[in-house]
Amino acid sequence: MSFGSQGPYYSGGGGGFLSNNSPGGYASQGSPHGAGTERKQTQSLRPLSIRQVLLAEQGSHTETDYTLDGVTLSMISIVGQIINHTSQTTSDVYKINDGSAEIEARHWNDSKGTDSMDMESDESPLLNKFVKITGTIRTFQERRHINAIIVRALDDPMEAYFHYTEAIAMAMLAKFGPPNGSGSSLGAPMTGGASASDYSRQGTSRQTNEVDSMYAHLAVLDRGIIRFIKDNPPTSEGYHVRQIIKAVKPLVNEETSKTGEDPADAFAAAIQRLIEEGLLFSTLDEHHYNLC
């Protein structure tokens, strides 16, 4: 079954997702601070506590330039409990507490009607629940908040502990660098002068085993996407969807032969799931993706 230029997520040239339907099309969220210009920067997803968000230093560019521990923050994620939810005409505003501090997150929603009224809701399905929010730091009228791209309720309470542990690990890595010895790896190649191609070849079997064990809860296609990126040399730009599709096409065909789903839809759904899991993000544009 050939992908060609078929499917709602592909352009006429068969070169990737359309920006209006792309799983990674962050600028389509309706925010006045669309992320179109930010994609040209090297991006990474940094897990933070709310206290760290408030401690981040703001640079000369008031909209996007924030740093923490000397590292530029582009995309960030937090985990906390929603203690208040205000539904507005074009957005939802959530107040989140994670035990370290409180902050508001604004999620833009174009689908709301123009006759919606601002109101505080005691019946919000997310009220008092723990959620994971992915987005960017913003400051408006001297108040810092998060421009939320994804707001997702936590299904597993252990996910909150994992997030806090990961935030601590990333802070230690930023301050002190990676640990020495064979255990040092937070995505970095091992030392010893090996080239990128050597690293790719030698690490393939090891990465495959790591992916299968660490991401056993994911679908086979989702793991295949992660495995492809991990098995190739690290790059800040990530990989184009055409490269990913070529590598995982057998997995797509295997899945769609059982479900009858369109291959393009199956691939796009896998990308979307990985984004929502906080495992994947778009880099240069909606056609390029990298691991968080």
C-alpha atoms as a PDB file:
ATOM      1  CA  MET A   1       0.000   0.000   0.000  1.00  0.00           C
ATOM      2  CA  SER A   2       1.641   3.223  -1.129  1.00  0.00           C
ATOM      3  CA  PHE A   3       1.489   6.554   0.635  1.00  0.00           C
ATOM      4  CA  GLY A   4       2.045   8.659  -2.468  1.00  0.00           C
ATOM      5  CA  SER A   5       0.252  11.990  -2.062  1.00  0.00           C
ATOM      6  CA  GLN A   6      -2.888  10.460  -0.601  1.00  0.00           C
ATOM      7  CA  GLY A   7      -4.548  11.322   2.674  1.00  0.00           C
ATOM      8  CA  PRO A   8      -5.685  14.540   4.302  1.00  0.00           C
ATOM      9  CA  TYR A   9      -2.306  15.127   5.946  1.00  0.00           C
ATOM     10  CA  TYR A  10      -0.278  15.210   2.747  1.00  0.00           C
ATOM     11  CA  SER A  11       0.389  17.983   0.287  1.00  0.00           C
ATOM     12  CA  GLY A  12       0.129  17.562  -3.451  1.00  0.00           C
ATOM     13  CA  GLY A  13       3.861  16.921  -3.647  1.00  0.00           C
ATOM     14  CA  GLY A  14       3.714  14.079  -1.161  1.00  0.00           C
ATOM     15  CA  GLY A  15       6.073  16.023   1.062  1.00  0.00           C
ATOM     16  CA  GLY A  16       4.428  16.020   4.460  1.00  0.00           C
ATOM     17  CA  PHE A  17       1.623  17.374   6.562  1.00  0.00           C
ATOM     18  CA  LEU A  18      -0.550  20.298   5.591  1.00  0.00           C
ATOM     19  CA  SER A  19      -0.134  23.110   8.089  1.00  0.00           C
ATOM     20  CA  ASN A  20      -3.844  23.379   8.814  1.00  0.00           C
ATOM     21  CA  ASN A  21      -4.132  19.719   9.792  1.00  0.00           C
ATOM     22  CA  SER A  22      -0.667  19.021  11.071  1.00  0.00           C
ATOM     23  CA  PRO A  23      -0.373  17.359  14.460  1.00  0.00           C
ATOM     24  CA  GLY A  24       2.531  19.705  15.137  1.00  0.00           C
ATOM     25  CA  GLY A  25       0.951  22.866  13.750  1.00  0.00           C
ATOM     26  CA  TYR A  26       1.199  24.818  16.960  1.00  0.00           C
ATOM     27  CA  ALA A  27       0.371  28.152  15.372  1.00  0.00           C
ATOM     28  CA  SER A  28      -3.081  26.852  14.484  1.00  0.00           C
ATOM     29  CA  GLN A  29      -4.168  26.836  18.122  1.00  0.00           C
ATOM     30  CA  GLY A  30      -5.649  30.292  17.816  1.00  0.00           C
ATOM     31  CA  SER A  31      -3.081  32.052  19.948  1.00  0.00           C
ATOM     32  CA  PRO A  32      -2.158  35.606  19.011  1.00  0.00           C
ATOM     33  CA  HIS A  33       1.413  34.543  19.701  1.00  0.00           C
ATOM     34  CA  GLY A  34       1.532  31.933  16.915  1.00  0.00           C
ATOM     35  CA  ALA A  35       4.626  29.801  16.955  1.00  0.00           C
ATOM     36  CA  GLY A  36       5.477  30.175  13.291  1.00  0.00           C
ATOM     37  CA  THR A  37       8.567  32.281  13.909  1.00  0.00           C
ATOM     38  CA  GLU A  38       9.724  30.216  16.861  1.00  0.00           C
ATOM     39  CA  ARG A  39      10.104  27.054  14.810  1.00  0.00           C
ATOM     40  CA  LYS A  40      13.185  28.529  13.166  1.00  0.00           C
ATOM     41  CA  GLN A  41      14.946  28.320  16.498  1.00  0.00           C
ATOM     42  CA  THR A  42      16.410  25.148  17.931  1.00  0.00           C
ATOM     43  CA  GLN A  43      13.703  23.801  20.189  1.00  0.00           C
ATOM     44  CA  SER A  44      13.564  21.299  23.006  1.00  0.00           C
ATOM     45  CA  LEU A  45      10.911  20.370  25.531  1.00  0.00           C
ATOM     46  CA  ARG A  46      12.001  21.066  29.115  1.00  0.00           C
ATOM     47  CA  PRO A  47      10.038  19.599  32.042  1.00  0.00           C
ATOM     48  CA  LEU A  48       9.766  22.167  34.831  1.00  0.00           C
ATOM     49  CA  SER A  49       8.126  22.817  38.154  1.00  0.00           C
ATOM     50  CA  ILE A  50       5.954  25.920  38.352  1.00  0.00           C
ATOM     51  CA  ARG A  51       8.537  27.474  40.665  1.00  0.00           C
ATOM     52  CA  GLN A  52      11.148  27.050  37.932  1.00  0.00           C
ATOM     53  CA  VAL A  53       8.817  28.721  35.423  1.00  0.00           C
ATOM     54  CA  LEU A  54       8.549  31.743  37.716  1.00  0.00           C
ATOM     55  CA  LEU A  55      12.321  31.811  38.290  1.00  0.00           C
ATOM     56  CA  ALA A  56      13.171  31.754  34.578  1.00  0.00           C
ATOM     57  CA  GLU A  57      14.976  34.904  33.496  1.00  0.00           C
ATOM     58  CA  GLN A  58      13.401  36.998  30.779  1.00  0.00           C
ATOM     59  CA  GLY A  59      15.680  38.392  28.097  1.00  0.00           C
ATOM     60  CA  SER A  60      15.385  41.406  25.849  1.00  0.00           C
ATOM     61  CA  HIS A  61      12.720  39.787  23.663  1.00  0.00           C
ATOM     62  CA  THR A  62       9.735  40.097  25.962  1.00  0.00           C
ATOM     63  CA  GLU A  63       7.619  37.471  24.220  1.00  0.00           C
ATOM     64  CA  THR A  64       9.848  34.445  23.831  1.00  0.00           C
ATOM     65  CA  ASP A  65      13.307  34.889  25.347  1.00  0.00           C
ATOM     66  CA  TYR A  66      13.456  33.006  28.663  1.00  0.00           C
ATOM     67  CA  THR A  67      16.386  31.142  30.182  1.00  0.00           C
ATOM     68  CA  LEU A  68      16.880  28.908  33.210  1.00  0.00           C
ATOM     69  CA  ASP A  69      20.258  27.669  34.417  1.00  0.00           C
ATOM     70  CA  GLY A  70      21.779  29.294  31.332  1.00  0.00           C
ATOM     71  CA  VAL A  71      19.615  27.229  28.974  1.00  0.00           C
ATOM     72  CA  THR A  72      17.078  28.821  26.621  1.00  0.00           C
ATOM     73  CA  LEU A  73      13.527  27.655  27.246  1.00  0.00           C
ATOM     74  CA  SER A  74      11.426  27.176  24.129  1.00  0.00           C
ATOM     75  CA  MET A  75       8.810  24.508  24.828  1.00  0.00           C
ATOM     76  CA  ILE A  76       8.148  23.605  28.467  1.00  0.00           C
ATOM     77  CA  SER A  77       5.881  21.199  30.302  1.00  0.00           C
ATOM     78  CA  ILE A  78       4.457  21.276  33.828  1.00  0.00           C
ATOM     79  CA  VAL A  79       2.335  18.886  35.871  1.00  0.00           C
ATOM     80  CA  GLY A  80      -0.044  20.095  38.544  1.00  0.00           C
ATOM     81  CA  GLN A  81      -3.579  20.234  39.888  1.00  0.00           C
ATOM     82  CA  ILE A  82      -6.154  22.552  38.343  1.00  0.00           C
ATOM     83  CA  ILE A  83      -7.623  24.576  41.205  1.00  0.00           C
ATOM     84  CA  ASN A  84      -9.628  27.019  39.100  1.00  0.00           C
ATOM     85  CA  HIS A  85     -10.990  27.082  35.557  1.00  0.00           C
ATOM     86  CA  THR A  86     -12.360  30.161  33.799  1.00  0.00           C
ATOM     87  CA  SER A  87     -14.006  29.666  30.421  1.00  0.00           C
ATOM     88  CA  GLN A  88     -13.742  32.719  28.169  1.00  0.00           C
ATOM     89  CA  THR A  89     -14.906  33.568  24.668  1.00  0.00           C
ATOM     90  CA  THR A  90     -11.759  32.507  22.863  1.00  0.00           C
ATOM     91  CA  SER A  91      -9.845  30.583  25.503  1.00  0.00           C
ATOM     92  CA  ASP A  92      -9.838  28.597  28.724  1.00  0.00           C
ATOM     93  CA  VAL A  93      -7.777  29.849  31.637  1.00  0.00           C
ATOM     94  CA  TYR A  94      -6.572  27.290  34.172  1.00  0.00           C
ATOM     95  CA  LYS A  95      -4.907  28.024  37.495  1.00  0.00           C
ATOM     96  CA  ILE A  96      -2.498  25.213  38.342  1.00  0.00           C
ATOM     97  CA  ASN A  97      -0.738  24.325  41.590  1.00  0.00           C
ATOM     98  CA  ASP A  98       2.033  21.729  41.768  1.00  0.00           C
ATOM     99  CA  GLY A  99       3.095  22.209  45.380  1.00  0.00           C
ATOM    100  CA  SER A 100       5.939  24.562  44.493  1.00  0.00           C
ATOM    101  CA  ALA A 101       3.879  27.523  43.252  1.00  0.00           C
ATOM    102  CA  GLU A 102       0.797  28.508  41.251  1.00  0.00           C
ATOM    103  CA  ILE A 103       0.480  29.828  37.711  1.00  0.00           C
ATOM    104  CA  GLU A 104      -2.190  30.399  35.095  1.00  0.00           C
ATOM    105  CA  ALA A 105      -2.218  28.619  31.749  1.00  0.00           C
ATOM    106  CA  ARG A 106      -4.242  29.945  28.827  1.00  0.00           C
ATOM    107  CA  HIS A 107      -5.409  27.506  26.163  1.00  0.00           C
ATOM    108  CA  TRP A 108      -6.773  29.188  23.033  1.00  0.00           C
ATOM    109  CA  ASN A 109      -9.862  27.650  21.481  1.00  0.00           C
ATOM    110  CA  ASP A 110     -11.186  28.830  18.124  1.00  0.00           C
ATOM    111  CA  SER A 111     -14.187  26.539  18.243  1.00  0.00           C
ATOM    112  CA  LYS A 112     -16.075  28.488  20.881  1.00  0.00           C
ATOM    113  CA  GLY A 113     -19.009  30.593  19.777  1.00  0.00           C
ATOM    114  CA  THR A 114     -18.869  34.357  19.860  1.00  0.00           C
ATOM    115  CA  ASP A 115     -21.824  34.446  22.252  1.00  0.00           C
ATOM    116  CA  SER A 116     -19.892  32.610  24.995  1.00  0.00           C
ATOM    117  CA  MET A 117     -19.673  34.505  28.259  1.00  0.00           C
ATOM    118  CA  ASP A 118     -16.740  34.639  30.630  1.00  0.00           C
ATOM    119  CA  MET A 119     -17.555  32.444  33.582  1.00  0.00           C
ATOM    120  CA  GLU A 120     -15.895  30.491  36.342  1.00  0.00           C
ATOM    121  CA  SER A 121     -16.905  26.861  36.206  1.00  0.00           C
ATOM    122  CA  ASP A 122     -17.306  24.512  39.169  1.00  0.00           C
ATOM    123  CA  GLU A 123     -18.310  21.725  36.792  1.00  0.00           C
ATOM    124  CA  SER A 124     -15.213  21.662  34.588  1.00  0.00           C
ATOM    125  CA  PRO A 125     -14.204  18.053  33.833  1.00  0.00           C
ATOM    126  CA  LEU A 126     -10.594  18.985  34.652  1.00  0.00           C
ATOM    127  CA  LEU A 127     -11.247  20.898  37.878  1.00  0.00           C
ATOM    128  CA  ASN A 128      -9.253  19.464  40.804  1.00  0.00           C
ATOM    129  CA  LYS A 129      -7.600  16.940  38.496  1.00  0.00           C
ATOM    130  CA  PHE A 130      -3.895  16.606  37.795  1.00  0.00           C
ATOM    131  CA  VAL A 131      -2.930  17.553  34.261  1.00  0.00           C
ATOM    132  CA  LYS A 132       0.153  17.844  32.088  1.00  0.00           C
ATOM    133  CA  ILE A 133       0.427  21.129  30.235  1.00  0.00           C
ATOM    134  CA  THR A 134       2.798  21.695  27.327  1.00  0.00           C
ATOM    135  CA  GLY A 135       3.381  25.188  25.976  1.00  0.00           C
ATOM    136  CA  THR A 136       5.521  28.307  26.142  1.00  0.00           C
ATOM    137  CA  ILE A 137       6.186  30.919  28.801  1.00  0.00           C
ATOM    138  CA  ARG A 138       4.583  34.315  28.284  1.00  0.00           C
ATOM    139  CA  THR A 139       4.329  37.566  30.220  1.00  0.00           C
ATOM    140  CA  PHE A 140       1.343  39.887  29.865  1.00  0.00           C
ATOM    141  CA  GLN A 141       0.858  43.035  31.935  1.00  0.00           C
ATOM    142  CA  GLU A 142       3.792  41.959  34.117  1.00  0.00           C
ATOM    143  CA  ARG A 143       2.090  38.653  34.958  1.00  0.00           C
ATOM    144  CA  ARG A 144       3.763  35.456  33.857  1.00  0.00           C
ATOM    145  CA  HIS A 145       1.617  32.659  32.464  1.00  0.00           C
ATOM    146  CA  ILE A 146       1.839  29.661  30.154  1.00  0.00           C
ATOM    147  CA  ASN A 147       0.528  29.770  26.610  1.00  0.00           C
ATOM    148  CA  ALA A 148      -0.798  26.198  26.617  1.00  0.00           C
ATOM    149  CA  ILE A 149      -0.659  24.100  23.465  1.00  0.00           C
ATOM    150  CA  ILE A 150      -1.745  20.815  25.042  1.00  0.00           C
ATOM    151  CA  VAL A 151      -3.727  20.301  28.258  1.00  0.00           C
ATOM    152  CA  ARG A 152      -4.023  16.609  29.087  1.00  0.00           C
ATOM    153  CA  ALA A 153      -5.426  14.916  32.187  1.00  0.00           C
ATOM    154  CA  LEU A 154      -3.080  12.372  33.762  1.00  0.00           C
ATOM    155  CA  ASP A 155      -4.297   8.800  33.496  1.00  0.00           C
ATOM    156  CA  ASP A 156      -1.557   7.387  35.710  1.00  0.00           C
ATOM    157  CA  PRO A 157      -0.695   9.094  39.050  1.00  0.00           C
ATOM    158  CA  MET A 158       2.884   7.862  38.673  1.00  0.00           C
ATOM    159  CA  GLU A 159       3.265  10.179  35.681  1.00  0.00           C
ATOM    160  CA  ALA A 160       3.352  13.156  38.044  1.00  0.00           C
ATOM    161  CA  TYR A 161       6.244  11.648  40.021  1.00  0.00           C
ATOM    162  CA  PHE A 162       8.068  10.855  36.795  1.00  0.00           C
ATOM    163  CA  HIS A 163       7.676  14.468  35.647  1.00  0.00           C
ATOM    164  CA  TYR A 164       9.035  15.914  38.897  1.00  0.00           C
ATOM    165  CA  THR A 165      11.976  13.494  38.848  1.00  0.00           C
ATOM    166  CA  GLU A 166      12.712  14.349  35.228  1.00  0.00           C
ATOM    167  CA  ALA A 167      12.573  18.079  36.023  1.00  0.00           C
ATOM    168  CA  ILE A 168      15.152  17.580  38.784  1.00  0.00           C
ATOM    169  CA  ALA A 169      17.380  15.494  36.511  1.00  0.00           C
ATOM    170  CA  MET A 170      17.292  18.098  33.735  1.00  0.00           C
ATOM    171  CA  ALA A 171      18.091  20.880  36.222  1.00  0.00           C
ATOM    172  CA  MET A 172      21.100  18.931  37.520  1.00  0.00           C
ATOM    173  CA  LEU A 173      22.238  18.231  33.965  1.00  0.00           C
ATOM    174  CA  ALA A 174      21.993  21.928  33.045  1.00  0.00           C
ATOM    175  CA  LYS A 175      23.922  23.039  36.132  1.00  0.00           C
ATOM    176  CA  PHE A 176      26.619  20.376  36.417  1.00  0.00           C
ATOM    177  CA  GLY A 177      26.701  18.615  33.050  1.00  0.00           C
ATOM    178  CA  PRO A 178      26.345  14.868  32.439  1.00  0.00           C
ATOM    179  CA  PRO A 179      27.830  12.439  34.982  1.00  0.00           C
ATOM    180  CA  ASN A 180      31.071  10.661  34.160  1.00  0.00           C
ATOM    181  CA  GLY A 181      31.396   6.972  33.440  1.00  0.00           C
ATOM    182  CA  SER A 182      29.415   4.441  31.480  1.00  0.00           C
ATOM    183  CA  GLY A 183      26.160   5.566  33.037  1.00  0.00           C
ATOM    184  CA  SER A 184      26.351   8.997  31.470  1.00  0.00           C
ATOM    185  CA  SER A 185      23.805   9.391  28.785  1.00  0.00           C
ATOM    186  CA  LEU A 186      20.774  11.646  28.741  1.00  0.00           C
ATOM    187  CA  GLY A 187      20.544  11.345  24.980  1.00  0.00           C
ATOM    188  CA  ALA A 188      24.248  12.113  24.440  1.00  0.00           C
ATOM    189  CA  PRO A 189      26.589   9.821  22.494  1.00  0.00           C
ATOM    190  CA  MET A 190      29.316   8.072  24.455  1.00  0.00           C
ATOM    191  CA  THR A 191      32.772   9.605  24.398  1.00  0.00           C
ATOM    192  CA  GLY A 192      35.759   8.044  22.675  1.00  0.00           C
ATOM    193  CA  GLY A 193      35.996   9.868  19.370  1.00  0.00           C
ATOM    194  CA  ALA A 194      33.389   7.862  17.484  1.00  0.00           C
ATOM    195  CA  SER A 195      31.871   9.559  14.482  1.00  0.00           C
ATOM    196  CA  ALA A 196      28.148  10.112  14.060  1.00  0.00           C
ATOM    197  CA  SER A 197      27.892   7.167  11.675  1.00  0.00           C
ATOM    198  CA  ASP A 198      29.809   4.935  14.098  1.00  0.00           C
ATOM    199  CA  TYR A 199      27.499   6.010  16.883  1.00  0.00           C
ATOM    200  CA  SER A 200      24.475   5.186  14.759  1.00  0.00           C
ATOM    201  CA  ARG A 201      25.721   1.718  13.791  1.00  0.00           C
ATOM    202  CA  GLN A 202      27.016   0.684  17.208  1.00  0.00           C
ATOM    203  CA  GLY A 203      24.002   1.966  19.071  1.00  0.00           C
ATOM    204  CA  THR A 204      21.284   0.444  16.912  1.00  0.00           C
ATOM    205  CA  SER A 205      20.747  -2.807  18.806  1.00  0.00           C
ATOM    206  CA  ARG A 206      21.145  -1.115  22.177  1.00  0.00           C
ATOM    207  CA  GLN A 207      18.673   1.619  21.247  1.00  0.00           C
ATOM    208  CA  THR A 208      16.195  -0.962  19.956  1.00  0.00           C
ATOM    209  CA  ASN A 209      16.245  -2.806  23.271  1.00  0.00           C
ATOM    210  CA  GLU A 210      15.924   0.454  25.195  1.00  0.00           C
ATOM    211  CA  VAL A 211      12.953   1.586  23.134  1.00  0.00           C
ATOM    212  CA  ASP A 212      11.191  -1.763  23.468  1.00  0.00           C
ATOM    213  CA  SER A 213      11.601  -1.766  27.255  1.00  0.00           C
ATOM    214  CA  MET A 214      11.069   1.934  28.007  1.00  0.00           C
ATOM    215  CA  TYR A 215       8.109   2.405  25.682  1.00  0.00           C
ATOM    216  CA  ALA A 216       6.450  -0.993  25.934  1.00  0.00           C
ATOM    217  CA  HIS A 217       3.126   0.722  26.700  1.00  0.00           C
ATOM    218  CA  LEU A 218       3.096   2.430  23.290  1.00  0.00           C
ATOM    219  CA  ALA A 219       1.688   1.058  20.058  1.00  0.00           C
ATOM    220  CA  VAL A 220       4.106  -0.750  17.740  1.00  0.00           C
ATOM    221  CA  LEU A 221       4.008   2.073  15.180  1.00  0.00           C
ATOM    222  CA  ASP A 222       4.670   4.692  17.857  1.00  0.00           C
ATOM    223  CA  ARG A 223       7.694   2.735  19.084  1.00  0.00           C
ATOM    224  CA  GLY A 224       8.912   2.429  15.513  1.00  0.00           C
ATOM    225  CA  ILE A 225       8.941   6.211  15.110  1.00  0.00           C
ATOM    226  CA  ILE A 226      10.888   6.646  18.345  1.00  0.00           C
ATOM    227  CA  ARG A 227      13.298   3.859  17.369  1.00  0.00           C
ATOM    228  CA  PHE A 228      14.023   5.462  13.990  1.00  0.00           C
ATOM    229  CA  ILE A 229      14.975   8.794  15.561  1.00  0.00           C
ATOM    230  CA  LYS A 230      17.040   7.166  18.318  1.00  0.00           C
ATOM    231  CA  ASP A 231      18.867   4.897  15.861  1.00  0.00           C
ATOM    232  CA  ASN A 232      20.090   7.876  13.828  1.00  0.00           C
ATOM    233  CA  PRO A 233      22.656  10.539  14.751  1.00  0.00           C
ATOM    234  CA  PRO A 234      21.293  13.262  17.066  1.00  0.00           C
ATOM    235  CA  THR A 235      20.308  16.457  15.261  1.00  0.00           C
ATOM    236  CA  SER A 236      18.656  19.632  16.501  1.00  0.00           C
ATOM    237  CA  GLU A 237      16.523  19.857  13.357  1.00  0.00           C
ATOM    238  CA  GLY A 238      15.039  16.390  13.833  1.00  0.00           C
ATOM    239  CA  TYR A 239      13.875  14.374  10.831  1.00  0.00           C
ATOM    240  CA  HIS A 240      11.494  15.115   7.974  1.00  0.00           C
ATOM    241  CA  VAL A 241       8.244  13.146   7.899  1.00  0.00           C
ATOM    242  CA  ARG A 242       9.265  11.609   4.569  1.00  0.00           C
ATOM    243  CA  GLN A 243      12.333  10.073   6.220  1.00  0.00           C
ATOM    244  CA  ILE A 244      10.261   8.778   9.123  1.00  0.00           C
ATOM    245  CA  ILE A 245       7.542   7.395   6.847  1.00  0.00           C
ATOM    246  CA  LYS A 246      10.115   5.535   4.738  1.00  0.00           C
ATOM    247  CA  ALA A 247      11.534   3.886   7.854  1.00  0.00           C
ATOM    248  CA  VAL A 248       8.228   2.896   9.476  1.00  0.00           C
ATOM    249  CA  LYS A 249       6.232   2.151   6.320  1.00  0.00           C
ATOM    250  CA  PRO A 250       6.215  -1.636   6.988  1.00  0.00           C
ATOM    251  CA  LEU A 251       4.758  -0.987  10.443  1.00  0.00           C
ATOM    252  CA  VAL A 252       2.130   1.343   8.987  1.00  0.00           C
ATOM    253  CA  ASN A 253       1.177  -1.239   6.384  1.00  0.00           C
ATOM    254  CA  GLU A 254       0.982  -3.961   9.027  1.00  0.00           C
ATOM    255  CA  GLU A 255      -1.292  -1.859  11.218  1.00  0.00           C
ATOM    256  CA  THR A 256      -3.577  -0.646   8.444  1.00  0.00           C
ATOM    257  CA  SER A 257      -3.921  -4.131   6.950  1.00  0.00           C
ATOM    258  CA  LYS A 258      -5.641  -5.138  10.181  1.00  0.00           C
ATOM    259  CA  THR A 259      -7.729  -2.013  10.749  1.00  0.00           C
ATOM    260  CA  GLY A 260      -8.438  -0.863   7.189  1.00  0.00           C
ATOM    261  CA  GLU A 261      -7.385   2.660   8.186  1.00  0.00           C
ATOM    262  CA  ASP A 262      -5.812   4.975   5.627  1.00  0.00           C
ATOM    263  CA  PRO A 263      -1.977   4.823   6.000  1.00  0.00           C
ATOM    264  CA  ALA A 264      -1.636   8.604   6.090  1.00  0.00           C
ATOM    265  CA  ASP A 265      -4.244   8.839   8.848  1.00  0.00           C
ATOM    266  CA  ALA A 266      -2.566   6.061  10.825  1.00  0.00           C
ATOM    267  CA  PHE A 267       0.834   7.763  10.609  1.00  0.00           C
ATOM    268  CA  ALA A 268      -0.607  11.181  11.529  1.00  0.00           C
ATOM    269  CA  ALA A 269      -2.435   9.650  14.493  1.00  0.00           C
ATOM    270  CA  ALA A 270       0.816   8.096  15.721  1.00  0.00           C
ATOM    271  CA  ILE A 271       2.604  11.450  15.482  1.00  0.00           C
ATOM    272  CA  GLN A 272      -0.241  13.116  17.382  1.00  0.00           C
ATOM    273  CA  ARG A 273      -0.159  10.488  20.134  1.00  0.00           C
ATOM    274  CA  LEU A 274       3.574  10.965  20.629  1.00  0.00           C
ATOM    275  CA  ILE A 275       3.147  14.744  20.808  1.00  0.00           C
ATOM    276  CA  GLU A 276       0.401  14.420  23.399  1.00  0.00           C
ATOM    277  CA  GLU A 277       2.575  12.017  25.393  1.00  0.00           C
ATOM    278  CA  GLY A 278       5.284  14.682  25.477  1.00  0.00           C
ATOM    279  CA  LEU A 279       7.692  12.445  23.552  1.00  0.00           C
ATOM    280  CA  LEU A 280       7.819  14.284  20.217  1.00  0.00           C
ATOM    281  CA  PHE A 281       7.779  17.906  19.056  1.00  0.00           C
ATOM    282  CA  SER A 282       8.049  19.838  15.803  1.00  0.00           C
ATOM    283  CA  THR A 283      11.305  21.686  15.133  1.00  0.00           C
ATOM    284  CA  LEU A 284      11.878  23.734  11.982  1.00  0.00           C
ATOM    285  CA  ASP A 285       8.274  23.410  10.841  1.00  0.00           C
ATOM    286  CA  GLU A 286       5.347  20.993  10.901  1.00  0.00           C
ATOM    287  CA  HIS A 287       7.280  18.626   8.621  1.00  0.00           C
ATOM    288  CA  HIS A 288      10.215  18.049  10.996  1.00  0.00           C
ATOM    289  CA  TYR A 289      10.049  16.190  14.303  1.00  0.00           C
ATOM    290  CA  ASN A 290      12.465  15.284  17.051  1.00  0.00           C
ATOM    291  CA  LEU A 291      12.357  13.492  20.385  1.00  0.00           C
ATOM    292  CA  CYS A 292      11.783  15.574  23.485  1.00  0.00           C
END
